[in-house]
């Protein structure tokens, strides 16, 4: 019985992903103090939206597939972009719910604010054939792969000496 799958929640995870541009945040899961959250509620709510946007990246024989959970967002509120340096960027914003002066909030757990995720794509990605689909709050971005040609030995070089 391995401890690694249970430690990572039973999912495969590569902490040292060479293609990732994600910035390591040592305070990602560190709860803010109650006084700070009470003084600046917009700070903690906006930060949680950025941090809580989770993206899965899997590679199949045909493509790289990214899936992001974006519950409650419409496709018009999400932007998928490819930059010249082979970077896939997923961004958007969750609007803050309008508050009524007569409302009394007991708990605010749903996050709002801007989010942004960036991934460096490998050389075999077909940048001109990227497709994105949004269904039931899940964004799926498919990046087809080019077939990597294996180099053949064309000429043998004699070694002298």
Protein backbone atom coordinates (compact mmCIF):
# COMPACT_ATOMS: atom_id res chain seq x y z
CA UNK A 1 0.00 0.00 0.00
CA UNK A 2 1.48 3.30 -1.10
CA UNK A 3 1.17 6.51 0.87
CA UNK A 4 1.72 8.75 -2.16
CA UNK A 5 -1.72 8.34 -3.82
CA UNK A 6 -3.55 9.04 -0.57
CA UNK A 7 -1.28 12.02 0.13
CA UNK A 8 -2.15 13.58 -3.24
CA UNK A 9 -5.85 12.73 -2.98
CA UNK A 10 -5.62 9.58 -5.09
CA UNK A 11 -4.81 11.50 -8.27
CA UNK A 12 -1.61 11.54 -10.23
CA UNK A 13 0.23 14.77 -9.65
CA UNK A 14 3.58 16.05 -10.82
CA UNK A 15 4.66 18.82 -8.49
CA UNK A 16 7.67 19.59 -10.67
CA UNK A 17 5.84 19.91 -13.99
CA UNK A 18 8.34 21.41 -16.48
CA UNK A 19 5.54 22.86 -18.62
CA UNK A 20 3.79 24.72 -15.83
CA UNK A 21 4.04 28.48 -15.40
CA UNK A 22 2.05 28.44 -12.18
CA UNK A 23 3.59 30.50 -9.44
CA UNK A 24 4.11 28.62 -6.20
CA UNK A 25 2.11 30.20 -3.39
CA UNK A 26 3.23 28.96 0.05
CA UNK A 27 0.19 30.63 1.66
CA UNK A 28 -2.34 29.09 -0.74
CA UNK A 29 -4.07 26.95 1.88
CA UNK A 30 -3.19 29.14 4.85
CA UNK A 31 -6.36 30.60 6.39
CA UNK A 32 -6.39 34.34 6.85
CA UNK A 33 -6.85 35.55 10.38
CA UNK A 34 -10.41 36.49 11.32
CA UNK A 35 -9.49 40.12 11.94
CA UNK A 36 -7.93 40.48 8.49
CA UNK A 37 -10.89 38.81 6.81
CA UNK A 38 -13.31 41.02 8.73
CA UNK A 39 -11.36 44.18 7.84
CA UNK A 40 -10.89 43.35 4.17
CA UNK A 41 -13.57 40.84 3.06
CA UNK A 42 -13.08 41.70 -0.61
CA UNK A 43 -9.40 40.73 -0.36
CA UNK A 44 -10.06 37.24 0.98
CA UNK A 45 -12.98 36.60 -1.40
CA UNK A 46 -11.10 37.78 -4.49
CA UNK A 47 -7.96 35.84 -3.55
CA UNK A 48 -9.96 32.66 -3.03
CA UNK A 49 -11.37 32.85 -6.57
CA UNK A 50 -7.86 33.04 -8.02
CA UNK A 51 -6.55 30.20 -5.90
CA UNK A 52 -9.54 27.88 -6.15
CA UNK A 53 -9.66 27.64 -9.96
CA UNK A 54 -8.44 24.07 -10.39
CA UNK A 55 -7.33 22.75 -13.77
CA UNK A 56 -6.58 19.15 -14.77
CA UNK A 57 -4.14 18.54 -17.66
CA UNK A 58 -3.96 15.14 -19.25
CA UNK A 59 -2.10 14.00 -22.33
CA UNK A 60 -3.66 11.45 -24.65
CA UNK A 61 -2.02 9.98 -27.77
CA UNK A 62 -3.91 12.58 -29.85
CA UNK A 63 -4.04 15.74 -27.71
CA UNK A 64 -3.40 17.67 -24.51
CA UNK A 65 -6.72 18.10 -22.69
CA UNK A 66 -7.30 20.75 -20.01
CA UNK A 67 -10.42 20.70 -17.80
CA UNK A 68 -11.30 23.57 -15.46
CA UNK A 69 -14.18 23.63 -13.00
CA UNK A 70 -15.90 26.99 -13.38
CA UNK A 71 -19.30 26.57 -11.73
CA UNK A 72 -21.80 29.35 -12.26
CA UNK A 73 -19.84 31.02 -15.08
CA UNK A 74 -21.08 31.55 -18.62
CA UNK A 75 -18.77 31.05 -21.57
CA UNK A 76 -18.87 34.82 -22.16
CA UNK A 77 -17.24 35.35 -18.75
CA UNK A 78 -14.26 33.10 -19.57
CA UNK A 79 -11.37 33.86 -21.94
CA UNK A 80 -9.05 31.25 -23.49
CA UNK A 81 -5.96 32.63 -25.23
CA UNK A 82 -2.80 31.29 -26.85
CA UNK A 83 0.26 33.50 -26.65
CA UNK A 84 3.12 33.51 -29.18
CA UNK A 85 5.49 31.78 -26.80
CA UNK A 86 3.29 28.63 -26.65
CA UNK A 87 1.40 29.62 -23.51
CA UNK A 88 -2.23 28.67 -22.94
CA UNK A 89 -3.99 31.21 -20.73
CA UNK A 90 -7.41 30.69 -19.12
CA UNK A 91 -8.88 33.72 -17.35
CA UNK A 92 -12.16 35.21 -16.28
CA UNK A 93 -14.07 36.82 -13.48
CA UNK A 94 -16.84 35.84 -11.11
CA UNK A 95 -19.00 38.83 -10.26
CA UNK A 96 -19.76 39.65 -6.66
CA UNK A 97 -23.41 39.08 -5.81
CA UNK A 98 -25.30 42.33 -5.30
CA UNK A 99 -25.90 43.06 -1.64
CA UNK A 100 -29.10 44.46 -0.24
CA UNK A 101 -28.86 46.58 2.91
CA UNK A 102 -31.67 44.52 4.44
CA UNK A 103 -29.82 41.22 3.93
CA UNK A 104 -27.89 39.65 6.77
CA UNK A 105 -25.16 37.30 5.61
CA UNK A 106 -24.41 34.30 7.84
CA UNK A 107 -21.72 32.73 5.69
CA UNK A 108 -19.92 33.61 2.45
CA UNK A 109 -18.05 30.62 0.99
CA UNK A 110 -18.56 31.06 -2.75
CA UNK A 111 -15.64 32.91 -4.22
CA UNK A 112 -15.75 35.89 -6.55
CA UNK A 113 -13.15 37.91 -8.38
CA UNK A 114 -10.67 37.39 -11.19
CA UNK A 115 -8.81 34.19 -11.93
CA UNK A 116 -5.94 33.39 -14.26
CA UNK A 117 -4.12 30.16 -15.07
CA UNK A 118 -1.22 29.79 -17.52
CA UNK A 119 0.36 26.65 -18.98
CA UNK A 120 3.41 26.38 -21.24
CA UNK A 121 2.53 24.01 -24.08
CA UNK A 122 5.08 21.50 -25.39
CA UNK A 123 6.62 21.65 -28.85
CA UNK A 124 4.24 19.03 -30.27
CA UNK A 125 1.12 21.18 -29.71
CA UNK A 126 -0.79 22.26 -32.81
CA UNK A 127 -1.30 25.88 -31.82
CA UNK A 128 -3.63 26.67 -34.74
CA UNK A 129 -6.14 23.87 -33.93
CA UNK A 130 -6.99 24.57 -30.28
CA UNK A 131 -10.67 24.08 -29.38
CA UNK A 132 -12.58 25.09 -26.24
CA UNK A 133 -15.97 23.90 -24.99
CA UNK A 134 -17.98 24.90 -21.92
CA UNK A 135 -20.62 22.51 -20.61
CA UNK A 136 -22.24 22.29 -17.16
CA UNK A 137 -19.66 24.59 -15.58
CA UNK A 138 -16.66 22.65 -16.92
CA UNK A 139 -14.35 24.25 -19.47
CA UNK A 140 -12.56 21.74 -21.72
CA UNK A 141 -9.67 22.96 -23.86
CA UNK A 142 -8.28 20.47 -26.37
CA UNK A 143 -4.87 21.06 -27.95
CA UNK A 144 -4.16 18.50 -30.71
CA UNK A 145 -0.65 17.07 -30.95
CA UNK A 146 1.60 16.81 -33.98
CA UNK A 147 3.10 13.44 -34.71
CA UNK A 148 6.71 13.53 -33.60
CA UNK A 149 8.91 12.08 -36.30
CA UNK A 150 11.56 9.77 -35.01
CA UNK A 151 14.92 10.50 -36.54
CA UNK A 152 16.43 7.70 -38.52
CA UNK A 153 20.13 6.99 -38.70
CA UNK A 154 21.03 8.16 -42.21
CA UNK A 155 24.79 7.94 -42.12
CA UNK A 156 27.24 6.14 -39.93
CA UNK A 157 30.32 8.10 -38.94
CA UNK A 158 33.62 6.25 -38.66
CA UNK A 159 35.55 6.90 -35.50
CA UNK A 160 39.28 7.41 -35.98
CA UNK A 161 42.09 7.20 -33.52
